[in-house]
Amino acid sequence: MLSPEKIQLLRGYLLEEEANLRQQIHSLGITSQEADVAASNHMAEDATAAFDQAAAVSLQRGHQVALNEVERALARMAAGTYGVCERCHTQIDFARLKAIPQAAFCMTCQRVAEL
């Protein structure tokens, strides 16, 4: 079981990551008006604008997925289940949590999930 000191350390990592992700999502700030690529007189400009928009939307979605994982980890902390593998219910190694504080699976179960 994780000590209160280790949980506080990991909570700090998660809160910092949550703030960073929120800031990155906000800085991308894609609005519905920007989601509509404006037609110009040049096909190349249209293609560049469409590519840039698609890249920004993809980044925003990736950041949102990561933010959701961080929020789920914080919810597990609040529920007292943080640090326990969601698949096999064994303790997740502290070194793994320190490297990936939002980890929901132990290394063995993570490998299985990635297959």
PDB file of N, CA and C in Angstrom:
ATOM      1  N   MET A   1       0.845  -1.183   0.000  1.00  0.00           N
ATOM      2  CA  MET A   1       0.000   0.000   0.000  1.00  0.00           C
ATOM      3  C   MET A   1       0.885   1.238   0.000  1.00  0.00           C
ATOM      4  N   LEU A   2       0.443   2.252  -0.726  1.00  0.00           N
ATOM      5  CA  LEU A   2       1.204   3.488  -0.822  1.00  0.00           C
ATOM      6  C   LEU A   2       1.071   4.296   0.466  1.00  0.00           C
ATOM      7  N   SER A   3       2.188   4.855   0.888  1.00  0.00           N
ATOM      8  CA  SER A   3       2.169   5.699   2.081  1.00  0.00           C
ATOM      9  C   SER A   3       1.480   7.027   1.750  1.00  0.00           C
ATOM     10  N   PRO A   4       0.968   7.709   2.772  1.00  0.00           N
ATOM     11  CA  PRO A   4       0.347   9.024   2.523  1.00  0.00           C
ATOM     12  C   PRO A   4       1.307  10.009   1.856  1.00  0.00           C
ATOM     13  N   GLU A   5       2.599   9.927   2.186  1.00  0.00           N
ATOM     14  CA  GLU A   5       3.589  10.816   1.581  1.00  0.00           C
ATOM     15  C   GLU A   5       3.724  10.549   0.088  1.00  0.00           C
ATOM     16  N   LYS A   6       3.744   9.270  -0.287  1.00  0.00           N
ATOM     17  CA  LYS A   6       3.856   8.925  -1.704  1.00  0.00           C
ATOM     18  C   LYS A   6       2.597   9.338  -2.465  1.00  0.00           C
ATOM     19  N   ILE A   7       1.454   9.159  -1.845  1.00  0.00           N
ATOM     20  CA  ILE A   7       0.204   9.563  -2.498  1.00  0.00           C
ATOM     21  C   ILE A   7       0.201  11.079  -2.702  1.00  0.00           C
ATOM     22  N   GLN A   8       0.655  11.830  -1.708  1.00  0.00           N
ATOM     23  CA  GLN A   8       0.710  13.287  -1.850  1.00  0.00           C
ATOM     24  C   GLN A   8       1.655  13.689  -2.972  1.00  0.00           C
ATOM     25  N   LEU A   9       2.794  13.024  -3.070  1.00  0.00           N
ATOM     26  CA  LEU A   9       3.746  13.293  -4.142  1.00  0.00           C
ATOM     27  C   LEU A   9       3.091  13.040  -5.502  1.00  0.00           C
ATOM     28  N   LEU A  10       2.444  11.891  -5.624  1.00  0.00           N
ATOM     29  CA  LEU A  10       1.800  11.533  -6.888  1.00  0.00           C
ATOM     30  C   LEU A  10       0.612  12.446  -7.184  1.00  0.00           C
ATOM     31  N   ARG A  11      -0.110  12.862  -6.166  1.00  0.00           N
ATOM     32  CA  ARG A  11      -1.218  13.808  -6.356  1.00  0.00           C
ATOM     33  C   ARG A  11      -0.675  15.118  -6.939  1.00  0.00           C
ATOM     34  N   GLY A  12       0.456  15.539  -6.435  1.00  0.00           N
ATOM     35  CA  GLY A  12       1.095  16.754  -6.963  1.00  0.00           C
ATOM     36  C   GLY A  12       1.424  16.617  -8.438  1.00  0.00           C
ATOM     37  N   TYR A  13       1.980  15.466  -8.822  1.00  0.00           N
ATOM     38  CA  TYR A  13       2.280  15.213 -10.236  1.00  0.00           C
ATOM     39  C   TYR A  13       1.004  15.275 -11.070  1.00  0.00           C
ATOM     40  N   LEU A  14      -0.050  14.619 -10.571  1.00  0.00           N
ATOM     41  CA  LEU A  14      -1.316  14.577 -11.316  1.00  0.00           C
ATOM     42  C   LEU A  14      -1.937  15.964 -11.445  1.00  0.00           C
ATOM     43  N   LEU A  15      -1.925  16.732 -10.376  1.00  0.00           N
ATOM     44  CA  LEU A  15      -2.505  18.076 -10.433  1.00  0.00           C
ATOM     45  C   LEU A  15      -1.722  18.985 -11.369  1.00  0.00           C
ATOM     46  N   GLU A  16      -0.410  18.830 -11.372  1.00  0.00           N
ATOM     47  CA  GLU A  16       0.427  19.604 -12.290  1.00  0.00           C
ATOM     48  C   GLU A  16       0.126  19.215 -13.743  1.00  0.00           C
ATOM     49  N   GLU A  17       0.017  17.932 -14.003  1.00  0.00           N
ATOM     50  CA  GLU A  17      -0.300  17.453 -15.351  1.00  0.00           C
ATOM     51  C   GLU A  17      -1.691  17.913 -15.770  1.00  0.00           C
ATOM     52  N   GLU A  18      -2.637  17.874 -14.834  1.00  0.00           N
ATOM     53  CA  GLU A  18      -3.999  18.332 -15.134  1.00  0.00           C
ATOM     54  C   GLU A  18      -3.984  19.803 -15.550  1.00  0.00           C
ATOM     55  N   ALA A  19      -3.265  20.634 -14.813  1.00  0.00           N
ATOM     56  CA  ALA A  19      -3.178  22.061 -15.139  1.00  0.00           C
ATOM     57  C   ALA A  19      -2.513  22.273 -16.497  1.00  0.00           C
ATOM     58  N   ASN A  20      -1.435  21.529 -16.766  1.00  0.00           N
ATOM     59  CA  ASN A  20      -0.746  21.652 -18.057  1.00  0.00           C
ATOM     60  C   ASN A  20      -1.656  21.262 -19.216  1.00  0.00           C
ATOM     61  N   LEU A  21      -2.371  20.161 -19.060  1.00  0.00           N
ATOM     62  CA  LEU A  21      -3.257  19.708 -20.132  1.00  0.00           C
ATOM     63  C   LEU A  21      -4.402  20.686 -20.360  1.00  0.00           C
ATOM     64  N   ARG A  22      -4.967  21.189 -19.286  1.00  0.00           N
ATOM     65  CA  ARG A  22      -6.050  22.183 -19.427  1.00  0.00           C
ATOM     66  C   ARG A  22      -5.544  23.420 -20.167  1.00  0.00           C
ATOM     67  N   GLN A  23      -4.327  23.855 -19.833  1.00  0.00           N
ATOM     68  CA  GLN A  23      -3.760  25.032 -20.495  1.00  0.00           C
ATOM     69  C   GLN A  23      -3.516  24.745 -21.974  1.00  0.00           C
ATOM     70  N   GLN A  24      -3.017  23.562 -22.289  1.00  0.00           N
ATOM     71  CA  GLN A  24      -2.759  23.212 -23.687  1.00  0.00           C
ATOM     72  C   GLN A  24      -4.055  23.124 -24.478  1.00  0.00           C
ATOM     73  N   ILE A  25      -5.084  22.539 -23.880  1.00  0.00           N
ATOM     74  CA  ILE A  25      -6.380  22.458 -24.553  1.00  0.00           C
ATOM     75  C   ILE A  25      -6.926  23.861 -24.788  1.00  0.00           C
ATOM     76  N   HIS A  26      -6.808  24.704 -23.773  1.00  0.00           N
ATOM     77  CA  HIS A  26      -7.297  26.078 -23.898  1.00  0.00           C
ATOM     78  C   HIS A  26      -6.520  26.842 -24.970  1.00  0.00           C
ATOM     79  N   SER A  27      -5.199  26.646 -25.026  1.00  0.00           N
ATOM     80  CA  SER A  27      -4.385  27.373 -26.007  1.00  0.00           C
ATOM     81  C   SER A  27      -4.704  26.940 -27.433  1.00  0.00           C
ATOM     82  N   LEU A  28      -5.109  25.693 -27.609  1.00  0.00           N
ATOM     83  CA  LEU A  28      -5.520  25.249 -28.947  1.00  0.00           C
ATOM     84  C   LEU A  28      -6.861  25.865 -29.304  1.00  0.00           C
ATOM     85  N   GLY A  29      -7.738  25.997 -28.296  1.00  0.00           N
ATOM     86  CA  GLY A  29      -9.010  26.696 -28.383  1.00  0.00           C
ATOM     87  C   GLY A  29      -9.706  26.682 -29.721  1.00  0.00           C
ATOM     88  N   ILE A  30      -9.998  25.538 -30.237  1.00  0.00           N
ATOM     89  CA  ILE A  30     -10.678  25.440 -31.526  1.00  0.00           C
ATOM     90  C   ILE A  30     -12.166  25.677 -31.309  1.00  0.00           C
ATOM     91  N   THR A  31     -12.668  26.711 -31.942  1.00  0.00           N
ATOM     92  CA  THR A  31     -14.089  27.025 -31.842  1.00  0.00           C
ATOM     93  C   THR A  31     -14.823  26.427 -33.022  1.00  0.00           C
ATOM     94  N   SER A  32     -16.132  26.405 -32.955  1.00  0.00           N
ATOM     95  CA  SER A  32     -16.910  25.849 -34.062  1.00  0.00           C
ATOM     96  C   SER A  32     -16.731  26.683 -35.326  1.00  0.00           C
ATOM     97  N   GLN A  33     -16.500  27.987 -35.182  1.00  0.00           N
ATOM     98  CA  GLN A  33     -16.268  28.824 -36.361  1.00  0.00           C
ATOM     99  C   GLN A  33     -14.938  28.474 -37.008  1.00  0.00           C
ATOM    100  N   GLU A  34     -13.923  28.205 -36.202  1.00  0.00           N
ATOM    101  CA  GLU A  34     -12.622  27.839 -36.751  1.00  0.00           C
ATOM    102  C   GLU A  34     -12.644  26.436 -37.335  1.00  0.00           C
ATOM    103  N   ALA A  35     -13.564  25.627 -36.892  1.00  0.00           N
ATOM    104  CA  ALA A  35     -13.647  24.259 -37.399  1.00  0.00           C
ATOM    105  C   ALA A  35     -14.091  24.234 -38.847  1.00  0.00           C
ATOM    106  N   ASP A  36     -14.765  25.282 -39.298  1.00  0.00           N
ATOM    107  CA  ASP A  36     -15.156  25.391 -40.699  1.00  0.00           C
ATOM    108  C   ASP A  36     -14.024  26.081 -41.440  1.00  0.00           C
ATOM    109  N   VAL A  37     -13.391  25.338 -42.336  1.00  0.00           N
ATOM    110  CA  VAL A  37     -12.281  25.901 -43.091  1.00  0.00           C
ATOM    111  C   VAL A  37     -12.856  26.893 -44.092  1.00  0.00           C
ATOM    112  N   ALA A  38     -12.374  28.118 -44.005  1.00  0.00           N
ATOM    113  CA  ALA A  38     -12.853  29.162 -44.922  1.00  0.00           C
ATOM    114  C   ALA A  38     -12.289  28.910 -46.309  1.00  0.00           C
ATOM    115  N   ALA A  39     -13.138  29.055 -47.287  1.00  0.00           N
ATOM    116  CA  ALA A  39     -12.716  28.854 -48.670  1.00  0.00           C
ATOM    117  C   ALA A  39     -12.037  30.119 -49.163  1.00  0.00           C
ATOM    118  N   SER A  40     -10.877  29.955 -49.733  1.00  0.00           N
ATOM    119  CA  SER A  40     -10.168  31.076 -50.332  1.00  0.00           C
ATOM    120  C   SER A  40     -10.113  30.854 -51.838  1.00  0.00           C
ATOM    121  N   ASN A  41      -9.383  31.688 -52.491  1.00  0.00           N
ATOM    122  CA  ASN A  41      -9.265  31.568 -53.948  1.00  0.00           C
ATOM    123  C   ASN A  41      -8.166  30.598 -54.357  1.00  0.00           C
ATOM    124  N   HIS A  42      -7.415  30.093 -53.399  1.00  0.00           N
ATOM    125  CA  HIS A  42      -6.285  29.224 -53.726  1.00  0.00           C
ATOM    126  C   HIS A  42      -6.454  27.852 -53.078  1.00  0.00           C
ATOM    127  N   MET A  43      -6.415  26.826 -53.903  1.00  0.00           N
ATOM    128  CA  MET A  43      -6.577  25.456 -53.399  1.00  0.00           C
ATOM    129  C   MET A  43      -5.473  25.094 -52.412  1.00  0.00           C
ATOM    130  N   ALA A  44      -4.265  25.549 -52.666  1.00  0.00           N
ATOM    131  CA  ALA A  44      -3.142  25.234 -51.782  1.00  0.00           C
ATOM    132  C   ALA A  44      -3.359  25.850 -50.400  1.00  0.00           C
ATOM    133  N   GLU A  45      -3.873  27.073 -50.353  1.00  0.00           N
ATOM    134  CA  GLU A  45      -4.151  27.704 -49.063  1.00  0.00           C
ATOM    135  C   GLU A  45      -5.255  26.954 -48.326  1.00  0.00           C
ATOM    136  N   ASP A  46      -6.271  26.515 -49.069  1.00  0.00           N
ATOM    137  CA  ASP A  46      -7.348  25.736 -48.464  1.00  0.00           C
ATOM    138  C   ASP A  46      -6.813  24.431 -47.886  1.00  0.00           C
ATOM    139  N   ALA A  47      -5.952  23.769 -48.638  1.00  0.00           N
ATOM    140  CA  ALA A  47      -5.391  22.497 -48.185  1.00  0.00           C
ATOM    141  C   ALA A  47      -4.534  22.697 -46.946  1.00  0.00           C
ATOM    142  N   THR A  48      -3.735  23.759 -46.924  1.00  0.00           N
ATOM    143  CA  THR A  48      -2.898  24.048 -45.759  1.00  0.00           C
ATOM    144  C   THR A  48      -3.756  24.346 -44.541  1.00  0.00           C
ATOM    145  N   ALA A  49      -4.804  25.143 -44.736  1.00  0.00           N
ATOM    146  CA  ALA A  49      -5.698  25.480 -43.625  1.00  0.00           C
ATOM    147  C   ALA A  49      -6.393  24.226 -43.100  1.00  0.00           C
ATOM    148  N   ALA A  50      -6.835  23.367 -44.011  1.00  0.00           N
ATOM    149  CA  ALA A  50      -7.504  22.124 -43.591  1.00  0.00           C
ATOM    150  C   ALA A  50      -6.542  21.219 -42.832  1.00  0.00           C
ATOM    151  N   PHE A  51      -5.302  21.124 -43.301  1.00  0.00           N
ATOM    152  CA  PHE A  51      -4.301  20.301 -42.623  1.00  0.00           C
ATOM    153  C   PHE A  51      -4.013  20.851 -41.231  1.00  0.00           C
ATOM    154  N   ASP A  52      -3.799  22.166 -41.141  1.00  0.00           N
ATOM    155  CA  ASP A  52      -3.515  22.783 -39.845  1.00  0.00           C
ATOM    156  C   ASP A  52      -4.664  22.570 -38.866  1.00  0.00           C
ATOM    157  N   GLN A  53      -5.890  22.705 -39.368  1.00  0.00           N
ATOM    158  CA  GLN A  53      -7.066  22.505 -38.518  1.00  0.00           C
ATOM    159  C   GLN A  53      -7.140  21.065 -38.043  1.00  0.00           C
ATOM    160  N   ALA A  54      -6.905  20.114 -38.944  1.00  0.00           N
ATOM    161  CA  ALA A  54      -6.964  18.700 -38.570  1.00  0.00           C
ATOM    162  C   ALA A  54      -5.892  18.368 -37.531  1.00  0.00           C
ATOM    163  N   ALA A  55      -4.715  18.941 -37.694  1.00  0.00           N
ATOM    164  CA  ALA A  55      -3.638  18.695 -36.731  1.00  0.00           C
ATOM    165  C   ALA A  55      -4.008  19.261 -35.359  1.00  0.00           C
ATOM    166  N   ALA A  56      -4.581  20.464 -35.341  1.00  0.00           N
ATOM    167  CA  ALA A  56      -4.964  21.083 -34.071  1.00  0.00           C
ATOM    168  C   ALA A  56      -6.073  20.298 -33.387  1.00  0.00           C
ATOM    169  N   VAL A  57      -7.044  19.826 -34.163  1.00  0.00           N
ATOM    170  CA  VAL A  57      -8.143  19.032 -33.596  1.00  0.00           C
ATOM    171  C   VAL A  57      -7.601  17.730 -33.033  1.00  0.00           C
ATOM    172  N   SER A  58      -6.678  17.106 -33.754  1.00  0.00           N
ATOM    173  CA  SER A  58      -6.080  15.860 -33.288  1.00  0.00           C
ATOM    174  C   SER A  58      -5.314  16.073 -31.981  1.00  0.00           C
ATOM    175  N   LEU A  59      -4.540  17.139 -31.909  1.00  0.00           N
ATOM    176  CA  LEU A  59      -3.813  17.455 -30.673  1.00  0.00           C
ATOM    177  C   LEU A  59      -4.781  17.703 -29.524  1.00  0.00           C
ATOM    178  N   GLN A  60      -5.831  18.454 -29.809  1.00  0.00           N
ATOM    179  CA  GLN A  60      -6.808  18.759 -28.761  1.00  0.00           C
ATOM    180  C   GLN A  60      -7.471  17.481 -28.252  1.00  0.00           C
ATOM    181  N   ARG A  61      -7.821  16.582 -29.152  1.00  0.00           N
ATOM    182  CA  ARG A  61      -8.434  15.311 -28.735  1.00  0.00           C
ATOM    183  C   ARG A  61      -7.467  14.480 -27.915  1.00  0.00           C
ATOM    184  N   GLY A  62      -6.207  14.436 -28.329  1.00  0.00           N
ATOM    185  CA  GLY A  62      -5.197  13.687 -27.574  1.00  0.00           C
ATOM    186  C   GLY A  62      -5.011  14.245 -26.171  1.00  0.00           C
ATOM    187  N   HIS A  63      -4.973  15.566 -26.076  1.00  0.00           N
ATOM    188  CA  HIS A  63      -4.854  16.202 -24.758  1.00  0.00           C
ATOM    189  C   HIS A  63      -6.084  15.908 -23.909  1.00  0.00           C
ATOM    190  N   GLN A  64      -7.264  15.878 -24.531  1.00  0.00           N
ATOM    191  CA  GLN A  64      -8.489  15.609 -23.782  1.00  0.00           C
ATOM    192  C   GLN A  64      -8.496  14.178 -23.248  1.00  0.00           C
ATOM    193  N   VAL A  65      -8.027  13.233 -24.052  1.00  0.00           N
ATOM    194  CA  VAL A  65      -7.934  11.836 -23.600  1.00  0.00           C
ATOM    195  C   VAL A  65      -6.974  11.744 -22.406  1.00  0.00           C
ATOM    196  N   ALA A  66      -5.833  12.404 -22.511  1.00  0.00           N
ATOM    197  CA  ALA A  66      -4.866  12.389 -21.411  1.00  0.00           C
ATOM    198  C   ALA A  66      -5.450  13.050 -20.161  1.00  0.00           C
ATOM    199  N   LEU A  67      -6.170  14.148 -20.344  1.00  0.00           N
ATOM    200  CA  LEU A  67      -6.803  14.823 -19.212  1.00  0.00           C
ATOM    201  C   LEU A  67      -7.823  13.909 -18.541  1.00  0.00           C
ATOM    202  N   ASN A  68      -8.598  13.191 -19.341  1.00  0.00           N
ATOM    203  CA  ASN A  68      -9.577  12.250 -18.778  1.00  0.00           C
ATOM    204  C   ASN A  68      -8.888  11.185 -17.926  1.00  0.00           C
ATOM    205  N   GLU A  69      -7.737  10.681 -18.383  1.00  0.00           N
ATOM    206  CA  GLU A  69      -6.989   9.673 -17.625  1.00  0.00           C
ATOM    207  C   GLU A  69      -6.499  10.252 -16.297  1.00  0.00           C
ATOM    208  N   VAL A  70      -6.013  11.480 -16.333  1.00  0.00           N
ATOM    209  CA  VAL A  70      -5.540  12.135 -15.109  1.00  0.00           C
ATOM    210  C   VAL A  70      -6.705  12.333 -14.141  1.00  0.00           C
ATOM    211  N   GLU A  71      -7.844  12.779 -14.659  1.00  0.00           N
ATOM    212  CA  GLU A  71      -9.018  12.989 -13.802  1.00  0.00           C
ATOM    213  C   GLU A  71      -9.511  11.674 -13.195  1.00  0.00           C
ATOM    214  N   ARG A  72      -9.445  10.588 -13.963  1.00  0.00           N
ATOM    215  CA  ARG A  72      -9.835   9.278 -13.427  1.00  0.00           C
ATOM    216  C   ARG A  72      -8.874   8.855 -12.314  1.00  0.00           C
ATOM    217  N   ALA A  73      -7.581   9.139 -12.486  1.00  0.00           N
ATOM    218  CA  ALA A  73      -6.604   8.800 -11.451  1.00  0.00           C
ATOM    219  C   ALA A  73      -6.882   9.600 -10.179  1.00  0.00           C
ATOM    220  N   LEU A  74      -7.201  10.870 -10.317  1.00  0.00           N
ATOM    221  CA  LEU A  74      -7.538  11.686  -9.151  1.00  0.00           C
ATOM    222  C   LEU A  74      -8.811  11.174  -8.479  1.00  0.00           C
ATOM    223  N   ALA A  75      -9.765  10.709  -9.264  1.00  0.00           N
ATOM    224  CA  ALA A  75     -10.996  10.132  -8.696  1.00  0.00           C
ATOM    225  C   ALA A  75     -10.684   8.839  -7.944  1.00  0.00           C
ATOM    226  N   ARG A  76      -9.749   8.031  -8.482  1.00  0.00           N
ATOM    227  CA  ARG A  76      -9.352   6.810  -7.766  1.00  0.00           C
ATOM    228  C   ARG A  76      -8.679   7.164  -6.449  1.00  0.00           C
ATOM    229  N   MET A  77      -7.905   8.247  -6.448  1.00  0.00           N
ATOM    230  CA  MET A  77      -7.282   8.693  -5.194  1.00  0.00           C
ATOM    231  C   MET A  77      -8.355   9.050  -4.175  1.00  0.00           C
ATOM    232  N   ALA A  78      -9.337   9.802  -4.613  1.00  0.00           N
ATOM    233  CA  ALA A  78     -10.418  10.226  -3.718  1.00  0.00           C
ATOM    234  C   ALA A  78     -11.207   9.031  -3.195  1.00  0.00           C
ATOM    235  N   ALA A  79     -11.337   7.998  -4.037  1.00  0.00           N
ATOM    236  CA  ALA A  79     -12.092   6.802  -3.649  1.00  0.00           C
ATOM    237  C   ALA A  79     -11.259   5.822  -2.835  1.00  0.00           C
ATOM    238  N   GLY A  80      -9.946   6.071  -2.760  1.00  0.00           N
ATOM    239  CA  GLY A  80      -9.075   5.166  -2.001  1.00  0.00           C
ATOM    240  C   GLY A  80      -8.643   3.932  -2.769  1.00  0.00           C
ATOM    241  N   THR A  81      -8.831   3.930  -4.089  1.00  0.00           N
ATOM    242  CA  THR A  81      -8.442   2.774  -4.906  1.00  0.00           C
ATOM    243  C   THR A  81      -7.226   3.057  -5.781  1.00  0.00           C
ATOM    244  N   TYR A  82      -6.620   4.207  -5.610  1.00  0.00           N
ATOM    245  CA  TYR A  82      -5.454   4.572  -6.420  1.00  0.00           C
ATOM    246  C   TYR A  82      -4.287   3.649  -6.103  1.00  0.00           C
ATOM    247  N   GLY A  83      -3.572   3.256  -7.142  1.00  0.00           N
ATOM    248  CA  GLY A  83      -2.402   2.405  -6.958  1.00  0.00           C
ATOM    249  C   GLY A  83      -2.713   0.924  -6.982  1.00  0.00           C
ATOM    250  N   VAL A  84      -3.985   0.592  -7.230  1.00  0.00           N
ATOM    251  CA  VAL A  84      -4.409  -0.806  -7.328  1.00  0.00           C
ATOM    252  C   VAL A  84      -4.809  -1.063  -8.775  1.00  0.00           C
ATOM    253  N   CYS A  85      -4.262  -2.111  -9.366  1.00  0.00           N
ATOM    254  CA  CYS A  85      -4.550  -2.457 -10.752  1.00  0.00           C
ATOM    255  C   CYS A  85      -6.049  -2.698 -10.932  1.00  0.00           C
ATOM    256  N   GLU A  86      -6.613  -2.069 -11.953  1.00  0.00           N
ATOM    257  CA  GLU A  86      -8.048  -2.221 -12.211  1.00  0.00           C
ATOM    258  C   GLU A  86      -8.399  -3.586 -12.792  1.00  0.00           C
ATOM    259  N   ARG A  87      -7.410  -4.328 -13.231  1.00  0.00           N
ATOM    260  CA  ARG A  87      -7.682  -5.643 -13.837  1.00  0.00           C
ATOM    261  C   ARG A  87      -7.471  -6.782 -12.840  1.00  0.00           C
ATOM    262  N   CYS A  88      -6.286  -6.817 -12.220  1.00  0.00           N
ATOM    263  CA  CYS A  88      -5.956  -7.955 -11.344  1.00  0.00           C
ATOM    264  C   CYS A  88      -6.013  -7.598  -9.860  1.00  0.00           C
ATOM    265  N   HIS A  89      -6.196  -6.331  -9.547  1.00  0.00           N
ATOM    266  CA  HIS A  89      -6.354  -5.834  -8.178  1.00  0.00           C
ATOM    267  C   HIS A  89      -5.117  -6.001  -7.302  1.00  0.00           C
ATOM    268  N   THR A  90      -3.930  -6.063  -7.928  1.00  0.00           N
ATOM    269  CA  THR A  90      -2.680  -6.064  -7.163  1.00  0.00           C
ATOM    270  C   THR A  90      -2.147  -4.640  -7.093  1.00  0.00           C
ATOM    271  N   GLN A  91      -1.196  -4.412  -6.188  1.00  0.00           N
ATOM    272  CA  GLN A  91      -0.576  -3.098  -6.060  1.00  0.00           C
ATOM    273  C   GLN A  91       0.217  -2.777  -7.317  1.00  0.00           C
ATOM    274  N   ILE A  92       0.078  -1.567  -7.816  1.00  0.00           N
ATOM    275  CA  ILE A  92       0.909  -1.082  -8.919  1.00  0.00           C
ATOM    276  C   ILE A  92       2.206  -0.569  -8.299  1.00  0.00           C
ATOM    277  N   ASP A  93       3.319  -0.950  -8.886  1.00  0.00           N
ATOM    278  CA  ASP A  93       4.633  -0.577  -8.370  1.00  0.00           C
ATOM    279  C   ASP A  93       4.773   0.951  -8.305  1.00  0.00           C
ATOM    280  N   PHE A  94       5.351   1.449  -7.223  1.00  0.00           N
ATOM    281  CA  PHE A  94       5.515   2.890  -7.051  1.00  0.00           C
ATOM    282  C   PHE A  94       6.335   3.498  -8.183  1.00  0.00           C
ATOM    283  N   ALA A  95       7.367   2.801  -8.641  1.00  0.00           N
ATOM    284  CA  ALA A  95       8.192   3.325  -9.731  1.00  0.00           C
ATOM    285  C   ALA A  95       7.344   3.557 -10.986  1.00  0.00           C
ATOM    286  N   ARG A  96       6.411   2.652 -11.258  1.00  0.00           N
ATOM    287  CA  ARG A  96       5.513   2.823 -12.410  1.00  0.00           C
ATOM    288  C   ARG A  96       4.617   4.034 -12.199  1.00  0.00           C
ATOM    289  N   LEU A  97       4.067   4.175 -11.005  1.00  0.00           N
ATOM    290  CA  LEU A  97       3.191   5.313 -10.730  1.00  0.00           C
ATOM    291  C   LEU A  97       3.961   6.627 -10.760  1.00  0.00           C
ATOM    292  N   LYS A  98       5.195   6.594 -10.336  1.00  0.00           N
ATOM    293  CA  LYS A  98       6.007   7.807 -10.378  1.00  0.00           C
ATOM    294  C   LYS A  98       6.270   8.216 -11.827  1.00  0.00           C
ATOM    295  N   ALA A  99       6.484   7.232 -12.697  1.00  0.00           N
ATOM    296  CA  ALA A  99       6.724   7.513 -14.114  1.00  0.00           C
ATOM    297  C   ALA A  99       5.429   7.873 -14.842  1.00  0.00           C
ATOM    298  N   ILE A 100       4.342   7.177 -14.497  1.00  0.00           N
ATOM    299  CA  ILE A 100       3.043   7.388 -15.139  1.00  0.00           C
ATOM    300  C   ILE A 100       1.994   7.437 -14.031  1.00  0.00           C
ATOM    301  N   PRO A 101       1.830   8.589 -13.391  1.00  0.00           N
ATOM    302  CA  PRO A 101       0.929   8.666 -12.234  1.00  0.00           C
ATOM    303  C   PRO A 101      -0.523   8.308 -12.535  1.00  0.00           C
ATOM    304  N   GLN A 102      -0.951   8.412 -13.776  1.00  0.00           N
ATOM    305  CA  GLN A 102      -2.333   8.085 -14.130  1.00  0.00           C
ATOM    306  C   GLN A 102      -2.516   6.609 -14.478  1.00  0.00           C
ATOM    307  N   ALA A 103      -1.479   5.806 -14.325  1.00  0.00           N
ATOM    308  CA  ALA A 103      -1.558   4.385 -14.666  1.00  0.00           C
ATOM    309  C   ALA A 103      -2.666   3.698 -13.878  1.00  0.00           C
ATOM    310  N   ALA A 104      -3.481   2.933 -14.602  1.00  0.00           N
ATOM    311  CA  ALA A 104      -4.584   2.201 -13.976  1.00  0.00           C
ATOM    312  C   ALA A 104      -4.296   0.706 -13.889  1.00  0.00           C
ATOM    313  N   PHE A 105      -3.226   0.261 -14.562  1.00  0.00           N
ATOM    314  CA  PHE A 105      -2.896  -1.164 -14.615  1.00  0.00           C
ATOM    315  C   PHE A 105      -1.457  -1.393 -14.185  1.00  0.00           C
ATOM    316  N   CYS A 106      -1.200  -2.553 -13.595  1.00  0.00           N
ATOM    317  CA  CYS A 106       0.170  -2.969 -13.313  1.00  0.00           C
ATOM    318  C   CYS A 106       0.855  -3.269 -14.654  1.00  0.00           C
ATOM    319  N   MET A 107       2.150  -3.452 -14.647  1.00  0.00           N
ATOM    320  CA  MET A 107       2.876  -3.699 -15.900  1.00  0.00           C
ATOM    321  C   MET A 107       2.385  -4.933 -16.629  1.00  0.00           C
ATOM    322  N   THR A 108       2.135  -6.008 -15.896  1.00  0.00           N
ATOM    323  CA  THR A 108       1.678  -7.244 -16.524  1.00  0.00           C
ATOM    324  C   THR A 108       0.347  -7.040 -17.238  1.00  0.00           C
ATOM    325  N   CYS A 109      -0.593  -6.429 -16.575  1.00  0.00           N
ATOM    326  CA  CYS A 109      -1.921  -6.201 -17.165  1.00  0.00           C
ATOM    327  C   CYS A 109      -1.860  -5.183 -18.287  1.00  0.00           C
ATOM    328  N   GLN A 110      -0.946  -4.204 -18.179  1.00  0.00           N
ATOM    329  CA  GLN A 110      -0.792  -3.219 -19.247  1.00  0.00           C
ATOM    330  C   GLN A 110      -0.302  -3.916 -20.521  1.00  0.00           C
ATOM    331  N   ARG A 111       0.648  -4.845 -20.370  1.00  0.00           N
ATOM    332  CA  ARG A 111       1.141  -5.586 -21.536  1.00  0.00           C
ATOM    333  C   ARG A 111       0.007  -6.373 -22.182  1.00  0.00           C
ATOM    334  N   VAL A 112      -0.813  -7.012 -21.374  1.00  0.00           N
ATOM    335  CA  VAL A 112      -1.944  -7.773 -21.879  1.00  0.00           C
ATOM    336  C   VAL A 112      -2.927  -6.852 -22.607  1.00  0.00           C
ATOM    337  N   ALA A 113      -3.178  -5.693 -22.040  1.00  0.00           N
ATOM    338  CA  ALA A 113      -4.124  -4.747 -22.641  1.00  0.00           C
ATOM    339  C   ALA A 113      -3.618  -4.215 -23.974  1.00  0.00           C
ATOM    340  N   GLU A 114      -2.315  -4.143 -24.146  1.00  0.00           N
ATOM    341  CA  GLU A 114      -1.731  -3.622 -25.388  1.00  0.00           C
ATOM    342  C   GLU A 114      -1.656  -4.652 -26.495  1.00  0.00           C
ATOM    343  N   LEU A 115      -1.917  -5.900 -26.188  1.00  0.00           N
ATOM    344  CA  LEU A 115      -1.854  -6.937 -27.227  1.00  0.00           C
ATOM    345  C   LEU A 115      -3.026  -6.884 -28.161  1.00  0.00           C
TER     346      LEU A 115
END
